[in-house]
Amino acid sequence: MVQAQRPVDRELEAESFAAVLRSSKTAAPQRGEGYLDGAVDSSPEGFSFTCEQADLSHHLTSVGRAVASRPALPVLANVLVEVDAETQRVALTAFDLNLCIRSEFEAQVRGSGRTTLPAKLLSDIVSRLPSGPVTLDASSQAQESAPVILMSAAGQYQVRSMSAEEYPTLPEISLRTADADGDFVGEESPTAQALELPIESLLQGIGQTLFAASGDETKQVLTGVHVKLLAGDPPCLEFAATDGHRLAMVQVEADGIPVASANTGMGLDFTIPARTLREVERILGTQTAASTVELRFDRSQVQFVLPPRAGKTQCQQRITSRLLEGQYPDYNRLIPRQFERQITLERRPLIESLERVGVLAAQRNDIVKFNLSAATQTLRISTEAPDVGSGEESLPVQMSGPDLELAFNVRYLLDALRVFHTQQVSLELNGATQPAIWKPLGAMRLCYLVMPVQLRAT
């Protein structure tokens, strides 16, 4: 019988972001940076704006991913719409008390004001409208519970709104900026800092670790990716994620960070929720025009100021998220310094064999056996599924050290091998129940630790 080895980790809890970001029907929005910062003075006659259907649909879809599926407050099922006639800009915001996504864009604006509209309903309607100009008219908002009118070439729709005064205060990380005379203006959040990160480095760090984050909400600090700034020339960002069974760690160069700043650490040593990073990865993955992203952070939250899309230079998106509280495990001490066995093999054939054998392994518990032979320089991969069948394949390897039989969860192996981008990979081992270290050859700053499962004698 095969039994997964029990992981050793800490149960750590994180305080709710909602305790810091309480809603208030009378509170005005916090001042921050951007084109629509601070409260928007509402026009007595209401407001309206016109933009392209494709643009409105894109921004509604982007912010809609921060709308809570089960909102704590009815208004959190809505998107906050803010319109400013002076700047001719519209801002859409969604916030679930943990994650806030804000998207700003240019439009033909008449009047200024704020309201909230059902996020999913509005997005579903706009996405089905024909291409061309669409107008959202809230000129009747001076009347209590008056509907907002959405107009296009196809016709018009009336959508019931809720007052923007019911929307919670939005999170913001404020940085002082210099005016024309060089004097600093505005209020700065305590411990707030900002730096520019290469988009390529950020995406690499996220993509090669995010899959290993835990999905167990009872261990909050493990449901994110730990990010740390390491001193050097150039400095490096270290990303790490673990669920207690495996650990993914990668160091990427951060050329945009001054060496002097990196030597101080800048306080960049925190854990970002996996959900936040998935949204950052999704948006940045479509970027082609920009090379850097601004990262702002303080003791409790982090904000990504994303570059505009190609051809949309006046658009701006910001993703703000709480940080996960609690002490992240000291993962470096889990990595052995010496190994009895070193194995090198081709990555693509290994993936293909694991995928085939994994079809049968999935019928039972996803466990596959590895039999390593130094004499024949082969790796035999096998699995047995009672009442279903069995499978076995062999691969050539370059191996040093004694023979060994051990077992792994096939999904854990495939998750890592698919984000490696080299032709060959190395496997370093000691015993059948000790950590196994996988690395892509030629990328020594990427390390993947996975615990073997325990083979029970029958």
Protein backbone atom coordinates (compact mmCIF):
# COMPACT_ATOMS: atom_id res chain seq x y z
CA MET A 1 0.00 0.00 0.00
CA VAL A 2 1.06 3.56 -0.63
CA GLN A 3 0.43 6.31 1.87
CA ALA A 4 1.27 9.99 1.48
CA GLN A 5 3.74 11.23 4.04
CA ARG A 6 2.26 13.64 6.51
CA PRO A 7 3.61 17.20 6.05
CA VAL A 8 5.08 19.17 8.90
CA ASP A 9 3.99 22.80 8.91
CA ARG A 10 2.57 25.46 11.18
CA GLU A 11 -1.03 26.52 11.39
CA LEU A 12 -0.89 30.25 11.05
CA GLU A 13 -3.77 32.64 10.93
CA ALA A 14 -4.09 36.03 9.27
CA GLU A 15 -6.30 38.84 10.43
CA SER A 16 -9.09 39.85 8.12
CA PHE A 17 -8.35 42.82 5.89
CA ALA A 18 -11.92 43.85 6.52
CA ALA A 19 -11.01 44.87 10.08
CA VAL A 20 -8.69 47.53 8.68
CA LEU A 21 -10.88 48.50 5.75
CA ARG A 22 -14.26 48.87 7.41
CA SER A 23 -17.15 50.12 5.36
CA SER A 24 -18.84 53.37 6.29
CA LYS A 25 -21.92 54.93 4.82
CA THR A 26 -20.70 58.39 5.77
CA ALA A 27 -16.99 58.08 5.10
CA ALA A 28 -15.52 59.74 2.06
CA PRO A 29 -13.03 57.82 -0.07
CA GLN A 30 -9.40 58.09 1.01
CA ARG A 31 -7.16 60.30 -1.04
CA GLY A 32 -4.68 58.50 -3.21
CA GLU A 33 -2.74 58.92 -6.41
CA GLY A 34 -4.19 58.79 -9.91
CA TYR A 35 -6.43 60.80 -12.15
CA LEU A 36 -9.57 60.45 -10.04
CA ASP A 37 -8.13 60.68 -6.54
CA GLY A 38 -10.22 61.89 -3.67
CA ALA A 39 -13.96 62.42 -3.66
CA VAL A 40 -15.57 63.36 -6.95
CA ASP A 41 -17.87 66.35 -6.62
CA SER A 42 -21.23 65.29 -7.95
CA SER A 43 -23.03 67.53 -10.41
CA PRO A 44 -26.59 68.43 -9.39
CA GLU A 45 -27.82 67.35 -12.81
CA GLY A 46 -26.06 63.97 -12.64
CA PHE A 47 -23.55 62.69 -15.15
CA SER A 48 -23.07 60.61 -18.29
CA PHE A 49 -20.19 59.28 -20.34
CA THR A 50 -19.68 57.76 -23.78
CA CYS A 51 -16.97 55.31 -24.81
CA GLU A 52 -16.41 52.35 -27.12
CA GLN A 53 -18.24 49.14 -26.25
CA ALA A 54 -15.02 47.10 -26.41
CA ASP A 55 -13.26 49.40 -23.92
CA LEU A 56 -16.11 49.40 -21.41
CA SER A 57 -16.48 45.64 -21.67
CA HIS A 58 -12.74 45.14 -21.15
CA HIS A 59 -12.62 47.27 -18.01
CA LEU A 60 -15.78 45.75 -16.55
CA THR A 61 -14.34 42.27 -17.05
CA SER A 62 -11.05 43.25 -15.43
CA VAL A 63 -12.52 44.74 -12.27
CA GLY A 64 -15.27 42.13 -12.11
CA ARG A 65 -12.76 39.55 -10.94
CA ALA A 66 -12.61 41.35 -7.58
CA VAL A 67 -16.37 41.16 -7.04
CA ALA A 68 -17.17 38.80 -4.17
CA SER A 69 -19.19 35.70 -5.07
CA ARG A 70 -20.86 35.93 -1.67
CA PRO A 71 -20.55 39.60 -0.72
CA ALA A 72 -20.53 40.55 2.96
CA LEU A 73 -22.50 43.66 2.01
CA PRO A 74 -25.08 43.93 -0.81
CA VAL A 75 -23.24 46.89 -2.33
CA LEU A 76 -20.10 44.75 -2.79
CA ALA A 77 -21.91 42.90 -5.59
CA ASN A 78 -21.76 46.21 -7.47
CA VAL A 79 -19.02 48.02 -9.36
CA LEU A 80 -18.24 51.54 -8.21
CA VAL A 81 -18.48 54.01 -11.12
CA GLU A 82 -16.73 57.39 -10.71
CA VAL A 83 -16.86 60.03 -13.44
CA ASP A 84 -14.86 63.27 -13.57
CA ALA A 85 -15.75 65.93 -16.12
CA GLU A 86 -12.57 67.93 -15.45
CA THR A 87 -10.21 65.11 -16.45
CA GLN A 88 -12.66 63.45 -18.88
CA ARG A 89 -12.00 60.12 -17.20
CA VAL A 90 -14.01 57.23 -15.79
CA ALA A 91 -12.90 54.89 -12.99
CA LEU A 92 -14.42 51.49 -12.31
CA THR A 93 -13.64 49.76 -9.02
CA ALA A 94 -14.53 46.42 -7.44
CA PHE A 95 -13.60 45.47 -3.88
CA ASP A 96 -14.35 42.36 -1.80
CA LEU A 97 -12.62 43.64 1.38
CA ASN A 98 -9.51 41.64 0.49
CA LEU A 99 -8.75 42.47 -3.13
CA CYS A 100 -9.42 45.76 -4.91
CA ILE A 101 -9.11 46.24 -8.68
CA ARG A 102 -9.45 49.75 -10.11
CA SER A 103 -9.42 50.60 -13.81
CA GLU A 104 -9.36 54.14 -15.21
CA PHE A 105 -9.87 55.19 -18.83
CA GLU A 106 -10.73 58.20 -20.97
CA ALA A 107 -14.26 58.88 -22.20
CA GLN A 108 -16.49 61.69 -23.36
CA VAL A 109 -17.80 62.86 -19.99
CA ARG A 110 -20.61 65.24 -19.09
CA GLY A 111 -20.90 66.06 -15.41
CA SER A 112 -19.18 64.42 -12.46
CA GLY A 113 -20.47 61.94 -9.93
CA ARG A 114 -20.40 58.49 -8.37
CA THR A 115 -22.77 55.54 -8.27
CA THR A 116 -22.69 51.76 -8.05
CA LEU A 117 -24.21 49.28 -10.48
CA PRO A 118 -24.64 45.46 -10.41
CA ALA A 119 -21.26 44.22 -11.67
CA LYS A 120 -22.23 40.95 -13.30
CA LEU A 121 -25.46 42.26 -14.82
CA LEU A 122 -23.78 45.31 -16.32
CA SER A 123 -20.83 43.29 -17.65
CA ASP A 124 -23.12 40.67 -19.21
CA ILE A 125 -25.17 43.32 -21.00
CA VAL A 126 -22.23 45.38 -22.25
CA SER A 127 -20.34 42.33 -23.51
CA ARG A 128 -23.30 41.45 -25.75
CA LEU A 129 -23.81 44.93 -27.20
CA PRO A 130 -22.69 45.56 -30.79
CA SER A 131 -19.40 47.31 -31.44
CA GLY A 132 -19.52 51.09 -31.42
CA PRO A 133 -20.19 53.89 -28.95
CA VAL A 134 -22.16 53.19 -25.78
CA THR A 135 -23.45 55.78 -23.33
CA LEU A 136 -24.12 55.36 -19.63
CA ASP A 137 -26.50 58.10 -18.50
CA ALA A 138 -26.96 58.81 -14.81
CA SER A 139 -28.42 62.29 -15.29
CA SER A 140 -31.46 61.29 -13.22
CA GLN A 141 -29.36 60.34 -10.18
CA ALA A 142 -30.57 63.41 -8.34
CA GLN A 143 -33.78 61.47 -7.83
CA GLU A 144 -33.79 58.74 -5.18
CA SER A 145 -33.45 55.21 -6.63
CA ALA A 146 -33.57 56.52 -10.20
CA PRO A 147 -32.24 54.00 -12.74
CA VAL A 148 -29.12 54.44 -14.83
CA ILE A 149 -29.70 54.21 -18.58
CA LEU A 150 -27.31 52.30 -20.85
CA MET A 151 -27.68 53.21 -24.53
CA SER A 152 -26.17 51.79 -27.71
CA ALA A 153 -27.12 51.37 -31.36
CA ALA A 154 -29.03 48.21 -30.36
CA GLY A 155 -31.32 50.02 -27.91
CA GLN A 156 -31.31 51.01 -24.28
CA TYR A 157 -31.44 49.36 -20.85
CA GLN A 158 -32.37 50.66 -17.42
CA VAL A 159 -30.32 49.36 -14.49
CA ARG A 160 -31.07 50.03 -10.84
CA SER A 161 -28.19 51.57 -8.92
CA MET A 162 -27.17 51.80 -5.27
CA SER A 163 -25.71 54.89 -3.64
CA ALA A 164 -21.92 55.19 -3.77
CA GLU A 165 -22.06 56.39 -0.14
CA GLU A 166 -22.74 52.79 0.87
CA TYR A 167 -19.51 51.56 -0.76
CA PRO A 168 -16.65 50.78 1.67
CA THR A 169 -13.65 53.05 1.92
CA LEU A 170 -11.16 51.89 -0.69
CA PRO A 171 -7.63 50.82 0.28
CA GLU A 172 -4.82 53.06 -0.90
CA ILE A 173 -1.07 53.32 -0.47
CA SER A 174 -0.29 57.02 -0.68
CA LEU A 175 3.16 58.27 -1.61
CA ARG A 176 4.22 61.89 -1.33
CA THR A 177 4.92 63.56 -4.66
CA ALA A 178 6.83 66.72 -5.51
CA ASP A 179 5.09 69.78 -6.92
CA ALA A 180 6.52 72.22 -9.48
CA ASP A 181 8.66 73.90 -6.80
CA GLY A 182 10.13 70.61 -5.63
CA ASP A 183 8.15 70.58 -2.37
CA PHE A 184 6.51 67.35 -1.24
CA VAL A 185 2.73 67.37 -1.11
CA GLY A 186 0.12 64.95 0.06
CA GLU A 187 0.07 62.48 2.93
CA GLU A 188 2.26 59.41 2.91
CA SER A 189 1.16 56.08 4.37
CA PRO A 190 3.35 54.96 7.30
CA THR A 191 6.21 52.79 6.01
CA ALA A 192 4.96 53.17 2.43
CA GLN A 193 7.57 52.42 -0.22
CA ALA A 194 7.63 51.99 -3.98
CA LEU A 195 9.93 50.48 -6.55
CA GLU A 196 9.94 49.59 -10.24
CA LEU A 197 10.08 45.91 -11.17
CA PRO A 198 10.81 44.39 -14.58
CA ILE A 199 7.61 42.74 -15.82
CA GLU A 200 9.58 39.77 -17.12
CA SER A 201 11.14 39.12 -13.70
CA LEU A 202 7.82 39.47 -11.90
CA LEU A 203 6.05 37.07 -14.28
CA GLN A 204 8.88 34.57 -13.98
CA GLY A 205 8.74 34.63 -10.20
CA ILE A 206 4.96 34.22 -10.13
CA GLY A 207 4.77 31.55 -12.82
CA GLN A 208 7.42 29.30 -11.31
CA THR A 209 6.07 29.31 -7.74
CA LEU A 210 2.35 30.08 -7.67
CA PHE A 211 1.30 26.48 -8.40
CA ALA A 212 2.85 25.29 -5.10
CA ALA A 213 0.83 27.62 -2.85
CA SER A 214 -1.62 25.92 -0.51
CA GLY A 215 -5.36 25.93 -1.07
CA ASP A 216 -6.07 25.22 2.60
CA GLU A 217 -7.60 28.39 4.06
CA THR A 218 -6.97 27.17 7.62
CA LYS A 219 -3.26 27.84 7.01
CA GLN A 220 -3.59 31.36 5.69
CA VAL A 221 0.07 32.29 5.35
CA LEU A 222 0.67 29.27 3.09
CA THR A 223 -2.04 30.36 0.63
CA GLY A 224 0.26 32.98 -0.86
CA VAL A 225 3.70 33.47 -2.35
CA HIS A 226 6.47 34.82 -0.15
CA VAL A 227 8.52 37.58 -1.78
CA LYS A 228 11.86 38.79 -0.46
CA LEU A 229 14.40 41.29 -1.78
CA LEU A 230 17.97 39.98 -1.66
CA ALA A 231 21.01 42.23 -1.74
CA GLY A 232 23.44 41.89 -4.61
CA ASP A 233 24.63 43.46 -7.83
CA PRO A 234 22.19 43.22 -9.46
CA PRO A 235 19.68 42.65 -6.64
CA CYS A 236 17.41 39.62 -6.73
CA LEU A 237 13.82 38.93 -5.82
CA GLU A 238 13.21 35.56 -4.20
CA PHE A 239 9.77 34.01 -4.66
CA ALA A 240 8.75 30.94 -2.63
CA ALA A 241 5.55 28.96 -2.18
CA THR A 242 4.78 25.80 -0.24
CA ASP A 243 1.75 23.76 0.78
CA GLY A 244 3.64 21.56 3.24
CA HIS A 245 4.16 18.75 0.71
CA ARG A 246 6.32 20.67 -1.77
CA LEU A 247 8.27 23.89 -2.11
CA ALA A 248 8.95 26.00 -5.21
CA MET A 249 11.63 28.68 -4.93
CA VAL A 250 13.15 30.91 -7.58
CA GLN A 251 15.46 33.91 -7.57
CA VAL A 252 15.12 36.42 -10.41
CA GLU A 253 17.27 39.45 -11.16
CA ALA A 254 15.66 42.80 -10.47
CA ASP A 255 17.75 45.18 -12.55
CA GLY A 256 15.44 48.12 -11.97
CA ILE A 257 16.10 48.21 -8.21
CA PRO A 258 19.06 50.34 -7.08
CA VAL A 259 21.78 48.33 -5.38
CA ALA A 260 21.84 50.70 -2.40
CA SER A 261 18.10 50.26 -1.88
CA ALA A 262 18.40 46.48 -2.08
CA ASN A 263 21.16 46.45 0.52
CA THR A 264 18.75 48.00 3.03
CA GLY A 265 16.08 45.39 2.21
CA MET A 266 13.44 48.17 1.90
CA GLY A 267 11.16 46.04 4.08
CA LEU A 268 10.31 43.91 1.07
CA ASP A 269 9.79 40.62 2.88
CA PHE A 270 6.12 39.62 2.84
CA THR A 271 3.54 37.14 1.60
CA ILE A 272 1.09 38.07 -1.18
CA PRO A 273 -2.18 36.10 -1.56
CA ALA A 274 -2.18 33.69 -4.49
CA ARG A 275 -5.44 35.13 -5.82
CA THR A 276 -3.88 38.59 -6.11
CA LEU A 277 -0.88 37.26 -8.02
CA ARG A 278 -3.13 35.32 -10.41
CA GLU A 279 -4.82 38.60 -11.36
CA VAL A 280 -1.48 40.37 -11.76
CA GLU A 281 -0.20 37.49 -13.92
CA ARG A 282 -3.36 37.48 -16.04
CA ILE A 283 -3.17 41.21 -16.79
CA LEU A 284 0.60 41.48 -17.23
CA GLY A 285 0.62 38.41 -19.47
CA THR A 286 -1.07 40.49 -22.17
CA GLN A 287 1.37 43.40 -21.92
CA THR A 288 3.56 44.03 -24.94
CA ALA A 289 4.36 47.75 -24.76
CA ALA A 290 5.67 48.17 -21.20
CA SER A 291 8.72 46.69 -19.50
CA THR A 292 8.19 47.62 -15.84
CA VAL A 293 5.46 47.69 -13.21
CA GLU A 294 5.35 49.84 -10.08
CA LEU A 295 5.09 48.00 -6.77
CA ARG A 296 3.91 49.94 -3.72
CA PHE A 297 3.70 48.43 -0.27
CA ASP A 298 3.48 49.13 3.43
CA ARG A 299 3.14 46.91 6.48
CA SER A 300 -0.32 45.57 5.68
CA GLN A 301 -0.97 45.85 1.96
CA VAL A 302 0.59 45.81 -1.48
CA GLN A 303 -0.40 47.59 -4.68
CA PHE A 304 0.56 46.92 -8.30
CA VAL A 305 0.27 49.96 -10.57
CA LEU A 306 -0.01 48.30 -13.94
CA PRO A 307 1.16 49.86 -17.21
CA PRO A 308 -1.42 50.74 -19.87
CA ARG A 309 -2.31 48.38 -22.68
CA ALA A 310 -0.72 48.92 -26.09
CA GLY A 311 -2.41 51.86 -27.79
CA LYS A 312 -4.23 52.85 -24.57
CA THR A 313 -1.68 55.18 -23.01
CA GLN A 314 -4.24 57.02 -20.86
CA CYS A 315 -5.59 53.89 -19.19
CA GLN A 316 -4.39 52.83 -15.77
CA GLN A 317 -5.12 49.78 -13.63
CA ARG A 318 -4.28 49.24 -9.99
CA ILE A 319 -4.55 46.03 -7.99
CA THR A 320 -4.46 46.50 -4.23
CA SER A 321 -4.44 43.61 -1.80
CA ARG A 322 -3.92 42.87 1.85
CA LEU A 323 -0.75 41.02 2.79
CA LEU A 324 -1.00 37.69 4.57
CA GLU A 325 0.00 37.97 8.20
CA GLY A 326 2.03 35.44 10.12
CA GLN A 327 5.57 34.11 10.06
CA TYR A 328 6.35 32.31 6.80
CA PRO A 329 8.22 29.01 7.32
CA ASP A 330 12.02 29.10 7.11
CA TYR A 331 12.04 27.12 3.88
CA ASN A 332 15.78 27.35 3.23
CA ARG A 333 16.53 25.01 6.10
CA LEU A 334 14.42 22.31 4.43
CA ILE A 335 16.81 22.03 1.47
CA PRO A 336 19.59 19.44 2.00
CA ARG A 337 23.15 20.58 1.35
CA GLN A 338 24.55 17.17 0.33
CA PHE A 339 23.11 14.31 -1.71
CA GLU A 340 23.93 10.63 -2.12
CA ARG A 341 22.40 10.40 -5.58
CA GLN A 342 22.42 12.70 -8.62
CA ILE A 343 20.28 11.93 -11.66
CA THR A 344 20.06 13.77 -14.98
CA LEU A 345 17.37 13.04 -17.58
CA GLU A 346 15.46 14.57 -20.48
CA ARG A 347 12.52 16.73 -19.40
CA ARG A 348 10.08 16.22 -22.28
CA PRO A 349 10.21 12.37 -22.33
CA LEU A 350 9.79 12.38 -18.54
CA ILE A 351 6.68 14.57 -18.77
CA GLU A 352 5.17 12.35 -21.46
CA SER A 353 5.82 9.15 -19.48
CA LEU A 354 4.35 10.66 -16.31
CA GLU A 355 1.26 11.81 -18.19
CA ARG A 356 0.68 8.32 -19.59
CA VAL A 357 1.32 6.44 -16.35
CA GLY A 358 -0.62 9.14 -14.51
CA VAL A 359 -3.83 8.14 -16.31
CA LEU A 360 -3.82 4.91 -14.31
CA ALA A 361 -2.42 6.53 -11.18
CA ALA A 362 -5.40 8.89 -11.14
CA GLN A 363 -7.70 5.89 -10.71
CA ARG A 364 -6.40 5.40 -7.20
CA ASN A 365 -4.30 8.03 -5.43
CA ASP A 366 -2.05 9.73 -8.04
CA ILE A 367 0.99 7.87 -6.71
CA VAL A 368 3.72 6.61 -9.06
CA LYS A 369 6.79 4.53 -8.12
CA PHE A 370 10.33 5.37 -9.20
CA ASN A 371 12.90 2.56 -9.44
CA LEU A 372 16.37 3.96 -10.06
CA SER A 373 19.10 1.54 -11.22
CA ALA A 374 22.72 2.61 -11.31
CA ALA A 375 23.74 -0.59 -13.09
CA THR A 376 21.44 -0.12 -16.07
CA GLN A 377 21.27 3.71 -15.84
CA THR A 378 17.48 3.62 -16.10
CA LEU A 379 14.45 5.01 -14.33
CA ARG A 380 11.42 2.73 -14.21
CA ILE A 381 8.10 4.51 -13.59
CA SER A 382 5.16 2.34 -12.56
CA THR A 383 1.76 2.40 -10.91
CA GLU A 384 -0.93 -0.06 -9.86
CA ALA A 385 -4.63 0.59 -9.58
CA PRO A 386 -6.50 -2.42 -8.08
CA ASP A 387 -9.43 -3.65 -10.17
CA VAL A 388 -8.31 -1.30 -12.98
CA GLY A 389 -4.82 -2.24 -14.15
CA SER A 390 -1.17 -1.28 -14.00
CA GLY A 391 1.38 0.56 -16.11
CA GLU A 392 5.14 0.77 -16.44
CA GLU A 393 7.66 2.69 -18.53
CA SER A 394 11.46 3.05 -18.52
CA LEU A 395 13.64 6.03 -19.34
CA PRO A 396 17.43 6.34 -19.74
CA VAL A 397 19.19 8.48 -17.14
CA GLN A 398 22.65 9.52 -16.07
CA MET A 399 22.92 8.44 -12.44
CA SER A 400 25.50 8.36 -9.69
CA GLY A 401 24.92 6.71 -6.33
CA PRO A 402 23.20 3.51 -5.15
CA ASP A 403 19.88 2.13 -6.41
CA LEU A 404 16.70 3.46 -4.86
CA GLU A 405 12.96 2.84 -4.88
CA LEU A 406 10.63 5.66 -3.90
CA ALA A 407 7.26 7.17 -4.83
CA PHE A 408 5.81 10.58 -5.67
CA ASN A 409 2.47 12.23 -6.25
CA VAL A 410 2.46 12.45 -10.06
CA ARG A 411 0.58 15.77 -10.07
CA TYR A 412 3.26 17.41 -7.94
CA LEU A 413 5.94 16.34 -10.41
CA LEU A 414 4.04 17.46 -13.51
CA ASP A 415 3.22 20.86 -11.99
CA ALA A 416 6.92 21.61 -11.61
CA LEU A 417 8.23 20.04 -14.81
CA ARG A 418 5.77 22.05 -16.90
CA VAL A 419 7.17 25.37 -15.67
CA PHE A 420 10.78 24.29 -16.25
CA HIS A 421 12.04 25.53 -19.62
CA THR A 422 15.21 23.53 -20.17
CA GLN A 423 15.88 20.40 -22.17
CA GLN A 424 17.24 18.47 -19.21
CA VAL A 425 16.44 18.35 -15.49
CA SER A 426 18.36 17.09 -12.49
CA LEU A 427 17.06 15.11 -9.52
CA GLU A 428 19.05 15.03 -6.28
CA LEU A 429 18.19 12.48 -3.60
CA ASN A 430 19.26 11.00 -0.32
CA GLY A 431 16.71 8.48 0.99
CA ALA A 432 13.23 7.28 0.02
CA THR A 433 11.55 9.49 2.64
CA GLN A 434 13.81 12.53 2.48
CA PRO A 435 13.29 15.65 0.36
CA ALA A 436 13.91 15.29 -3.37
CA ILE A 437 15.26 18.33 -5.22
CA TRP A 438 14.39 18.95 -8.87
CA LYS A 439 16.18 21.62 -10.91
CA PRO A 440 16.22 22.63 -14.56
CA LEU A 441 19.78 22.28 -15.81
CA GLY A 442 21.24 25.69 -16.60
CA ALA A 443 18.83 27.53 -14.30
CA MET A 444 20.47 27.03 -10.93
CA ARG A 445 18.38 29.70 -9.23
CA LEU A 446 15.24 27.63 -9.58
CA CYS A 447 14.67 24.87 -7.06
CA TYR A 448 11.70 22.56 -6.53
CA LEU A 449 11.51 20.41 -3.40
CA VAL A 450 8.96 17.62 -3.17
CA MET A 451 8.50 15.13 -0.37
CA PRO A 452 8.30 11.49 -1.49
CA VAL A 453 5.35 9.50 -0.25
CA GLN A 454 6.01 6.61 2.08
CA LEU A 455 5.87 3.13 0.61
CA ARG A 456 4.29 0.80 3.15
CA ALA A 457 5.52 -2.75 3.17
CA THR A 458 2.87 -5.34 2.20
